[in-house]
Protein backbone atom coordinates (compact mmCIF):
# COMPACT_ATOMS: atom_id res chain seq x y z
CA MET A 1 -75.18 -70.22 55.69
CA GLN A 2 -76.64 -68.41 52.70
CA LYS A 3 -73.25 -66.85 51.87
CA LYS A 4 -71.58 -70.25 52.19
CA ARG A 5 -74.16 -71.82 49.89
CA GLY A 6 -73.64 -68.95 47.42
CA TRP A 7 -69.90 -69.60 47.29
CA MET A 8 -70.50 -73.32 46.85
CA VAL A 9 -72.90 -72.70 43.98
CA ALA A 10 -70.39 -70.32 42.32
CA VAL A 11 -67.51 -72.79 42.67
CA GLY A 12 -69.68 -75.60 41.37
CA ALA A 13 -70.77 -73.52 38.37
CA LEU A 14 -67.17 -72.63 37.62
CA ALA A 15 -66.14 -76.29 37.81
CA VAL A 16 -68.95 -77.25 35.42
CA LEU A 17 -67.96 -74.45 33.04
CA LEU A 18 -64.32 -75.51 33.06
CA GLY A 19 -65.33 -79.11 32.55
CA LEU A 20 -67.54 -78.23 29.59
CA SER A 21 -64.75 -76.08 28.12
CA TRP A 22 -62.30 -78.97 28.51
CA LEU A 23 -64.73 -81.37 26.80
CA ALA A 24 -65.31 -78.88 23.99
CA LEU A 25 -61.57 -78.51 23.61
CA VAL A 26 -61.13 -82.29 23.39
CA PHE A 27 -63.69 -82.53 20.59
CA LEU A 28 -62.18 -79.56 18.76
CA LEU A 29 -58.63 -80.91 18.85
CA PRO A 30 -57.45 -82.78 15.77
CA SER A 31 -56.49 -86.40 16.39
CA ASP A 32 -52.84 -87.39 16.84
CA GLU A 33 -52.88 -89.06 13.41
CA GLU A 34 -54.34 -85.96 11.77
CA LEU A 35 -51.87 -83.73 13.60
CA THR A 36 -48.91 -85.93 12.56
CA ALA A 37 -49.93 -85.93 8.92
CA ARG A 38 -50.44 -82.17 8.87
CA ALA A 39 -47.16 -81.50 10.66
CA ARG A 40 -45.12 -83.79 8.38
CA ALA A 41 -46.60 -82.27 5.23
CA GLU A 42 -46.15 -78.69 6.46
CA LEU A 43 -42.56 -79.24 7.61
CA GLN A 44 -41.50 -80.96 4.42
CA SER A 45 -43.15 -78.24 2.34
CA ARG A 46 -41.63 -75.38 4.30
CA LEU A 47 -38.17 -76.87 4.89
CA GLY A 48 -37.74 -78.43 1.47
CA VAL A 49 -36.36 -81.73 2.87
CA PRO A 50 -37.99 -84.98 4.02
CA VAL A 51 -38.94 -85.09 7.72
CA ALA A 52 -39.43 -88.19 9.90
CA LEU A 53 -41.56 -87.83 13.05
CA GLY A 54 -41.12 -90.41 15.80
CA ALA A 55 -44.16 -89.36 17.83
CA LEU A 56 -46.53 -86.41 17.82
CA HIS A 57 -49.44 -86.21 20.20
CA TRP A 58 -51.62 -83.96 22.35
CA ARG A 59 -51.06 -83.62 26.07
CA LEU A 60 -54.07 -82.12 27.83
CA LEU A 61 -52.83 -81.86 31.41
CA PRO A 62 -51.76 -79.78 33.23
CA VAL A 63 -52.38 -77.52 30.20
CA PRO A 64 -52.95 -78.41 26.53
CA ALA A 65 -49.71 -78.91 24.59
CA VAL A 66 -48.43 -80.56 21.43
CA VAL A 67 -45.49 -82.87 22.11
CA LEU A 68 -43.09 -83.85 19.33
CA GLU A 69 -40.46 -86.53 19.99
CA ASP A 70 -37.60 -87.99 17.95
CA ALA A 71 -37.87 -85.95 14.76
CA ALA A 72 -35.18 -85.89 12.07
CA THR A 73 -34.66 -84.42 8.62
CA GLY A 74 -33.77 -86.77 5.78
CA GLN A 75 -30.26 -85.46 5.12
CA PRO A 76 -26.73 -86.98 5.15
CA GLN A 77 -26.22 -85.11 8.45
CA PRO A 78 -29.77 -84.90 9.82
CA ILE A 79 -31.10 -82.15 12.02
CA THR A 80 -32.58 -84.02 14.98
CA VAL A 81 -34.98 -83.05 17.76
CA LYS A 82 -35.29 -85.17 20.90
CA LYS A 83 -38.36 -83.41 22.32
CA LEU A 84 -40.30 -80.27 21.44
CA THR A 85 -43.30 -79.10 23.45
CA ALA A 86 -45.54 -76.39 21.97
CA TYR A 87 -48.25 -74.67 24.03
CA PRO A 88 -51.13 -73.43 21.83
CA ASN A 89 -53.04 -70.22 22.30
CA LEU A 90 -56.38 -71.43 23.71
CA GLY A 91 -58.40 -68.59 22.18
CA ALA A 92 -57.04 -69.36 18.73
CA LEU A 93 -57.54 -73.08 19.33
CA LEU A 94 -61.24 -72.60 20.12
CA ALA A 95 -61.47 -70.73 16.81
CA ARG A 96 -59.95 -73.79 15.07
CA ARG A 97 -56.59 -72.02 14.51
CA LEU A 98 -53.28 -73.48 15.63
CA GLN A 99 -51.17 -70.71 17.13
CA PHE A 100 -48.50 -71.19 19.80
CA ASP A 101 -47.64 -68.97 22.74
CA ARG A 102 -44.58 -70.89 23.93
CA VAL A 103 -42.25 -73.54 22.54
CA GLU A 104 -39.73 -75.54 24.58
CA LEU A 105 -36.96 -77.51 22.87
CA GLU A 106 -35.07 -80.16 24.82
CA GLY A 107 -32.17 -81.83 23.05
CA ALA A 108 -31.43 -81.07 19.40
CA VAL A 109 -28.50 -81.43 17.00
CA VAL A 110 -28.13 -78.85 14.23
CA PRO A 111 -25.31 -79.42 11.71
CA GLN A 112 -24.41 -76.17 10.00
CA LEU A 113 -24.09 -77.78 6.57
CA SER A 114 -27.59 -79.28 6.84
CA LEU A 115 -29.12 -75.98 7.93
CA ARG A 116 -27.84 -74.35 4.76
CA ALA A 117 -30.26 -76.49 2.74
CA MET A 118 -33.09 -74.35 4.10
CA ASP A 119 -33.40 -70.60 4.58
CA ALA A 120 -36.83 -70.20 6.11
CA GLN A 121 -37.83 -67.22 8.21
CA PRO A 122 -39.20 -68.25 11.63
CA ALA A 123 -42.65 -67.02 10.62
CA SER A 124 -42.73 -69.42 7.68
CA LEU A 125 -42.50 -72.44 9.98
CA LEU A 126 -45.78 -71.74 11.78
CA PRO A 127 -49.12 -70.79 10.21
CA ASP A 128 -50.74 -67.40 10.59
CA VAL A 129 -48.39 -65.95 13.19
CA ALA A 130 -46.31 -63.40 11.30
CA ALA A 131 -47.79 -60.44 13.16
CA THR A 132 -48.07 -62.16 16.56
CA PRO A 133 -45.34 -64.81 16.79
CA LEU A 134 -44.31 -66.92 19.72
CA GLU A 135 -44.21 -65.10 22.99
CA ARG A 136 -41.32 -67.25 24.21
CA PHE A 137 -38.94 -69.84 22.81
CA VAL A 138 -36.79 -71.85 25.24
CA PHE A 139 -34.08 -74.29 24.22
CA ARG A 140 -31.91 -76.60 26.29
CA ASN A 141 -29.05 -78.83 25.21
CA LEU A 142 -29.03 -77.60 21.63
CA THR A 143 -25.87 -78.85 19.89
CA TRP A 144 -24.53 -76.76 17.02
CA VAL A 145 -22.11 -78.69 14.75
CA SER A 146 -19.81 -76.55 12.63
CA ARG A 147 -19.03 -77.32 9.00
CA HIS A 148 -15.81 -78.98 10.24
CA GLY A 149 -17.54 -81.14 12.84
CA VAL A 150 -16.89 -79.08 15.99
CA ALA A 151 -19.88 -79.55 18.34
CA VAL A 152 -20.87 -76.85 20.86
CA VAL A 153 -23.86 -77.06 23.26
CA TYR A 154 -26.06 -74.02 24.01
CA ASP A 155 -28.99 -73.11 26.26
CA GLY A 156 -31.15 -70.04 25.80
CA GLU A 157 -34.45 -68.16 25.86
CA ILE A 158 -35.97 -65.64 23.44
CA ASP A 159 -39.01 -63.42 24.14
CA PHE A 160 -40.58 -61.99 20.96
CA ASP A 161 -42.37 -58.79 20.05
CA ALA A 162 -44.51 -58.54 16.92
CA ASN A 163 -42.94 -59.45 13.56
CA TRP A 164 -40.34 -61.68 15.21
CA ARG A 165 -38.42 -58.84 16.87
CA PRO A 166 -36.63 -60.30 19.94
CA ARG A 167 -37.56 -58.25 23.00
CA GLN A 168 -35.08 -60.10 25.19
CA ALA A 169 -32.76 -62.93 24.25
CA ARG A 170 -30.08 -64.85 26.11
CA VAL A 171 -27.77 -67.57 24.82
CA ARG A 172 -25.15 -69.25 27.03
CA ARG A 173 -22.66 -72.08 27.18
CA PRO A 174 -23.94 -74.28 30.03
CA ASP A 175 -21.51 -75.68 32.60
CA PHE A 176 -18.56 -73.64 31.32
CA GLN A 177 -16.46 -71.36 33.50
CA PRO A 178 -15.86 -68.49 33.34
CA ALA A 179 -19.42 -67.60 32.33
CA THR A 180 -19.87 -67.39 28.56
CA ASP A 181 -23.15 -65.80 27.46
CA LEU A 182 -24.82 -63.25 25.20
CA THR A 183 -27.80 -61.07 26.20
CA LEU A 184 -29.79 -58.87 23.80
CA THR A 185 -32.28 -56.27 25.08
CA ARG A 186 -34.45 -54.30 22.67
CA GLN A 187 -34.46 -50.52 23.05
CA GLY A 188 -38.16 -49.59 23.14
CA GLN A 189 -39.80 -50.31 19.79
CA GLU A 190 -36.69 -49.55 17.75
CA ASP A 191 -34.83 -52.21 15.80
CA ARG A 192 -31.85 -51.62 18.07
CA TRP A 193 -30.54 -53.89 20.81
CA THR A 194 -28.15 -53.44 23.70
CA THR A 195 -25.63 -56.26 23.61
CA ARG A 196 -23.92 -57.69 26.69
CA ILE A 197 -21.33 -60.43 26.21
CA ASN A 198 -19.39 -62.24 28.92
CA VAL A 199 -16.53 -64.37 27.62
CA GLY A 200 -13.05 -65.36 28.74
CA GLY A 201 -13.44 -63.63 32.08
CA GLY A 202 -13.93 -60.29 30.30
CA THR A 203 -16.72 -58.47 28.48
CA ALA A 204 -17.61 -57.31 24.96
CA HIS A 205 -20.58 -55.02 25.48
CA GLY A 206 -22.10 -52.76 22.82
CA GLU A 207 -25.15 -52.51 20.59
CA VAL A 208 -26.48 -53.68 17.22
CA ALA A 209 -29.12 -52.16 14.95
CA VAL A 210 -31.04 -53.42 11.91
CA GLN A 211 -32.49 -51.22 9.18
CA THR A 212 -35.08 -52.63 6.78
CA ARG A 213 -35.16 -51.15 3.29
CA ASP A 214 -38.31 -50.68 1.22
CA SER A 215 -37.28 -53.76 -0.76
CA GLY A 216 -37.33 -55.81 2.44
CA ARG A 217 -33.56 -56.20 2.49
CA MET A 218 -32.00 -55.76 5.94
CA GLN A 219 -28.76 -54.03 6.92
CA LEU A 220 -27.13 -54.81 10.28
CA GLU A 221 -24.56 -52.53 11.93
CA GLY A 222 -23.02 -52.88 15.36
CA ARG A 223 -20.17 -52.03 17.65
CA LEU A 224 -18.67 -54.00 20.53
CA GLN A 225 -15.87 -53.18 22.94
CA PRO A 226 -13.92 -56.23 24.14
CA VAL A 227 -12.26 -55.59 27.51
CA GLY A 228 -9.95 -57.99 29.37
CA VAL A 229 -10.93 -61.08 27.36
CA ASP A 230 -8.68 -64.09 28.02
CA VAL A 231 -8.23 -65.31 24.46
CA ALA A 232 -7.36 -68.92 25.33
CA SER A 233 -10.40 -69.26 27.58
CA ALA A 234 -12.69 -67.60 25.03
CA VAL A 235 -11.56 -69.94 22.25
CA SER A 236 -11.81 -73.01 24.51
CA ALA A 237 -15.40 -72.06 25.39
CA PHE A 238 -16.33 -73.00 21.81
CA ASN A 239 -14.28 -76.22 21.78
CA ARG A 240 -11.46 -74.82 19.67
CA LYS A 241 -7.74 -75.12 20.37
CA PRO A 242 -6.25 -71.76 21.37
CA VAL A 243 -3.15 -70.46 19.60
CA ILE A 244 -2.26 -67.72 22.05
CA ALA A 245 -2.91 -67.07 25.75
CA GLY A 246 -3.31 -63.56 27.12
CA LYS A 247 -5.91 -60.86 27.71
CA ALA A 248 -7.13 -58.76 24.78
CA SER A 249 -9.00 -55.47 24.55
CA GLY A 250 -10.07 -53.36 21.58
CA THR A 251 -13.04 -52.37 19.42
CA THR A 252 -15.15 -54.45 17.03
CA GLN A 253 -17.32 -53.24 14.15
CA LEU A 254 -20.04 -55.57 12.79
CA SER A 255 -21.91 -55.38 9.49
CA ALA A 256 -24.15 -57.68 7.47
CA ALA A 257 -26.82 -57.50 4.78
CA GLY A 258 -29.53 -59.86 3.53
CA SER A 259 -33.20 -60.51 2.93
CA THR A 260 -33.46 -63.18 5.64
CA VAL A 261 -31.94 -63.86 9.03
CA GLY A 262 -29.96 -66.69 7.43
CA GLU A 263 -28.51 -64.32 4.82
CA LEU A 264 -27.57 -61.85 7.56
CA ALA A 265 -25.67 -64.55 9.44
CA ARG A 266 -23.89 -65.81 6.33
CA SER A 267 -22.73 -62.32 5.33
CA LEU A 268 -21.57 -61.17 8.77
CA HIS A 269 -18.33 -59.18 8.65
CA THR A 270 -16.35 -58.10 11.70
CA GLN A 271 -13.34 -55.80 12.09
CA THR A 272 -11.48 -55.87 15.42
CA ALA A 273 -8.49 -53.72 16.34
CA PHE A 274 -6.93 -55.37 19.39
CA THR A 275 -4.08 -55.06 21.84
CA MET A 276 -2.68 -57.68 24.21
CA GLY A 277 -0.18 -57.32 27.03
CA ARG A 278 1.95 -60.20 28.31
CA SER A 279 1.00 -63.24 26.24
CA THR A 280 2.19 -66.70 25.33
CA LEU A 281 2.26 -68.12 21.82
CA LEU A 282 1.22 -71.71 22.45
CA ARG A 283 2.81 -74.74 20.77
CA PHE A 284 5.20 -72.61 18.69
CA ASP A 285 8.74 -71.42 19.49
CA LEU A 286 9.58 -68.52 17.16
CA ASP A 287 13.23 -68.40 18.17
CA LYS A 288 13.70 -72.13 17.51
CA ALA A 289 11.84 -71.91 14.17
CA VAL A 290 14.16 -69.16 12.91
CA ARG A 291 17.42 -70.72 14.10
CA SER A 292 16.50 -74.15 12.69
CA LEU A 293 15.30 -72.70 9.37
CA GLY A 294 11.80 -73.96 10.13
CA GLN A 295 12.82 -77.56 10.88
CA GLU A 296 11.94 -77.31 14.59
CA HIS A 297 9.30 -75.16 16.26
CA ALA A 298 7.79 -77.16 19.13
CA GLY A 299 7.49 -75.13 22.33
CA GLN A 300 6.16 -71.74 23.35
CA THR A 301 7.05 -68.09 22.86
CA GLU A 302 6.67 -65.58 25.67
CA LEU A 303 5.62 -62.13 24.42
CA ASP A 304 5.45 -58.74 26.09
CA SER A 305 2.85 -57.29 23.72
CA VAL A 306 0.77 -58.12 20.63
CA THR A 307 -1.24 -55.71 18.47
CA GLY A 308 -3.07 -56.04 15.18
CA GLN A 309 -6.39 -56.18 13.37
CA LEU A 310 -8.62 -59.21 12.88
CA ASP A 311 -11.16 -59.25 10.06
CA THR A 312 -13.67 -62.09 9.74
CA GLN A 313 -16.00 -62.62 6.81
CA ASN A 314 -18.68 -65.31 6.63
CA THR A 315 -18.92 -66.89 3.18
CA PRO A 316 -20.82 -69.85 1.65
CA GLN A 317 -17.60 -71.85 2.13
CA GLY A 318 -17.19 -70.85 5.79
CA MET A 319 -15.52 -68.07 7.71
CA VAL A 320 -12.36 -66.38 6.41
CA ALA A 321 -10.20 -64.79 9.11
CA THR A 322 -7.45 -62.33 8.21
CA TYR A 323 -4.92 -60.85 10.63
CA THR A 324 -3.10 -57.75 9.42
CA ASN A 325 -0.65 -55.26 10.95
CA LEU A 326 0.39 -57.94 13.45
CA LYS A 327 3.23 -56.83 15.70
CA ALA A 328 4.61 -58.85 18.60
CA SER A 329 7.63 -58.26 20.80
CA SER A 330 9.45 -59.67 23.80
CA GLY A 331 12.83 -59.30 25.45
CA VAL A 332 14.49 -61.60 22.90
CA LEU A 333 12.62 -60.97 19.63
CA SER A 334 10.08 -58.96 17.70
CA ALA A 335 7.93 -60.01 14.76
CA SER A 336 5.50 -58.46 12.29
CA GLY A 337 3.35 -59.98 9.62
CA LYS A 338 -0.05 -61.15 8.40
CA VAL A 339 -2.13 -64.34 8.52
CA ARG A 340 -5.02 -65.68 6.47
CA LEU A 341 -7.11 -68.60 7.72
CA ALA A 342 -9.82 -70.14 5.52
CA ASN A 343 -11.34 -73.62 5.41
CA ARG A 344 -8.86 -74.77 8.09
CA HIS A 345 -5.94 -73.78 5.86
CA ILE A 346 -3.39 -71.18 6.95
CA GLU A 347 -1.14 -68.85 5.00
CA ALA A 348 1.14 -66.61 7.09
CA ASP A 349 4.13 -64.38 6.39
CA PHE A 350 6.27 -62.93 9.20
CA ALA A 351 9.49 -60.99 9.54
CA VAL A 352 11.27 -61.93 12.78
CA ASP A 353 14.07 -59.98 14.49
CA LEU A 354 16.25 -61.54 17.18
CA VAL A 355 18.09 -59.18 19.51
CA ASP A 356 21.43 -60.96 19.17
CA GLY A 357 22.01 -59.60 15.68
CA ILE A 358 19.76 -61.48 13.24
CA VAL A 359 17.28 -59.03 11.76
CA GLY A 360 14.33 -59.44 9.40
CA VAL A 361 14.19 -63.22 8.90
CA PRO A 362 11.18 -64.10 6.70
CA LEU A 363 9.18 -66.92 8.29
CA LEU A 364 6.48 -68.61 6.20
CA LEU A 365 3.65 -70.86 7.44
CA SER A 366 1.27 -72.70 5.14
CA GLY A 367 -0.94 -75.75 4.96
CA PRO A 368 -3.73 -77.39 7.00
CA VAL A 369 -3.95 -76.07 10.55
CA ASP A 370 -3.34 -79.54 11.99
CA LYS A 371 -0.18 -80.00 9.90
CA VAL A 372 1.36 -76.60 9.24
CA ALA A 373 4.54 -76.41 7.17
CA VAL A 374 7.09 -73.89 8.53
CA SER A 375 9.91 -72.61 6.36
CA VAL A 376 12.64 -69.99 6.22
CA PRO A 377 13.65 -69.26 2.61
CA ARG A 378 17.20 -70.15 1.62
CA GLY A 379 19.66 -67.37 2.12
CA ALA A 380 17.33 -65.59 4.55
CA ILE A 381 19.78 -65.77 7.44
CA ALA A 382 22.61 -64.47 5.24
CA GLY A 383 20.41 -61.67 3.97
CA ALA A 384 19.26 -60.85 7.51
CA VAL A 385 22.85 -60.72 8.82
CA ILE A 386 23.88 -58.39 5.98
CA GLY A 387 20.88 -56.23 6.79
CA THR A 388 22.19 -55.95 10.35
CA ALA A 389 25.69 -55.12 9.18
CA VAL A 390 24.47 -52.44 6.78
CA LEU A 391 22.29 -50.75 9.40
CA PRO A 392 23.89 -51.36 12.81
CA GLY A 393 21.90 -49.91 15.65
CA VAL A 394 18.97 -48.82 13.44
CA GLY A 395 15.38 -49.67 14.43
CA THR A 396 14.26 -53.23 13.86
CA ALA A 397 11.41 -52.18 11.54
CA ILE A 398 13.84 -50.81 8.92
CA GLY A 399 16.25 -53.67 9.51
CA ALA A 400 13.44 -56.21 9.12
CA ARG A 401 12.35 -54.80 5.76
CA LEU A 402 15.90 -54.68 4.41
CA GLY A 403 16.78 -58.09 5.85
CA ALA A 404 13.69 -59.72 4.31
CA THR A 405 14.41 -58.09 0.94
CA LEU A 406 18.04 -59.20 0.95
CA GLY A 407 16.92 -62.67 2.02
CA ASN A 408 14.77 -62.89 -1.11
CA ILE A 409 17.64 -61.67 -3.31
CA PHE A 410 19.99 -64.27 -1.87
CA ASN A 411 17.35 -66.99 -2.25
CA PRO A 412 18.48 -69.22 -5.15
CA ASP A 413 14.99 -70.74 -5.62
CA PRO A 414 13.36 -69.63 -8.89
CA PRO A 415 10.49 -67.16 -8.33
CA THR A 416 6.94 -68.13 -9.24
CA LYS A 417 6.81 -65.32 -11.83
CA PRO A 418 9.68 -64.36 -14.14
CA LYS A 419 11.60 -61.36 -12.87
CA PRO A 420 14.65 -59.52 -14.24
CA ALA A 421 17.85 -61.15 -13.05
CA PRO A 422 19.46 -59.20 -10.18
CA GLN A 423 22.71 -57.42 -10.91
CA PRO A 424 25.80 -59.03 -9.25
CA ALA A 425 26.61 -57.44 -5.93
CA ARG A 426 29.80 -55.43 -5.89
CA LYS A 427 32.52 -56.64 -3.58
CA PRO A 428 33.38 -54.13 -0.86
């Protein structure tokens, strides 16, 4: 009986202590009105844009939390938050400091162009937490809207070490198959992370590292190895229209530099040397485009192999993608060339060889990606046929170069820059 009474007294004392702590916490908490005013002022000061808060209040049970609902920045394309729940550190709260251990974001829309108006470090958005930031940030149904209006939804979680170093991070495309996700795992206390990427039914694993200079400027370097990535599936995972279908493998080098995370992202440069086996060029028939002098090209082109290098460079105006050393071949044709894609505008130059005797036809593509103009310069077919006649049975690479050159010579259109007039060809 004495032991039972002892336990009852202990439990009762604990309940009283917890109750007193809860009451003390209630009195220490700022009011919802005070919290809203402080939050609005802090956000507007730190973000540099007006902020509207629909509701901001304390929730005490089951554990204390700050709940923000229906927030939006005052921009032409506002950044919106449906609900954000922040769980404060109780020890800091009792000391009258607002520090958060965990933040959960449910439903947000982030237009890329609006985000560019601010370049805050994560630590600048919360007071007094640079050395000990959030332990965990969870987001669900976060919609990223590209500068051209393409919306993509993400889920993810990030666990932080001191100074905002991610210890573990995972970002994924929910409800998309095959699985499309990125996982970062920090290697000890180094600023180096193992990277595991699943996309298009294949992988692109590797690692990235960040070096911080004495000036505070950061340099990012990384290497990935894409293996068996279905290009059409990978592109579709981010709500883009694929141009080619087939599995790609290769190596990717990453580099970036900047004083903030935002600057790192905006300067990211990638170089990928890739190879593809049997592939299909979607919505474009190369053979038809050449034979119709660019007037018709609807259809597909079956290819046995494709190789080349893709360089991407983030810029203030968006990403610039450049394909060089492109080579594609099938049983009926081969092609080589280069492509530049920037601000949804394409410029491409190919030399196409057809196995039935037409060699080195220059094929030009230019214009907006949703309305590409396809052309074969005048005289190109004649030049290509002469190239075949001059070099019968010689490799298509030499024939393509000669055919394209002769096609330009036989092109009666005036060049963009004055050139010496060609000498008349001698009759055989």
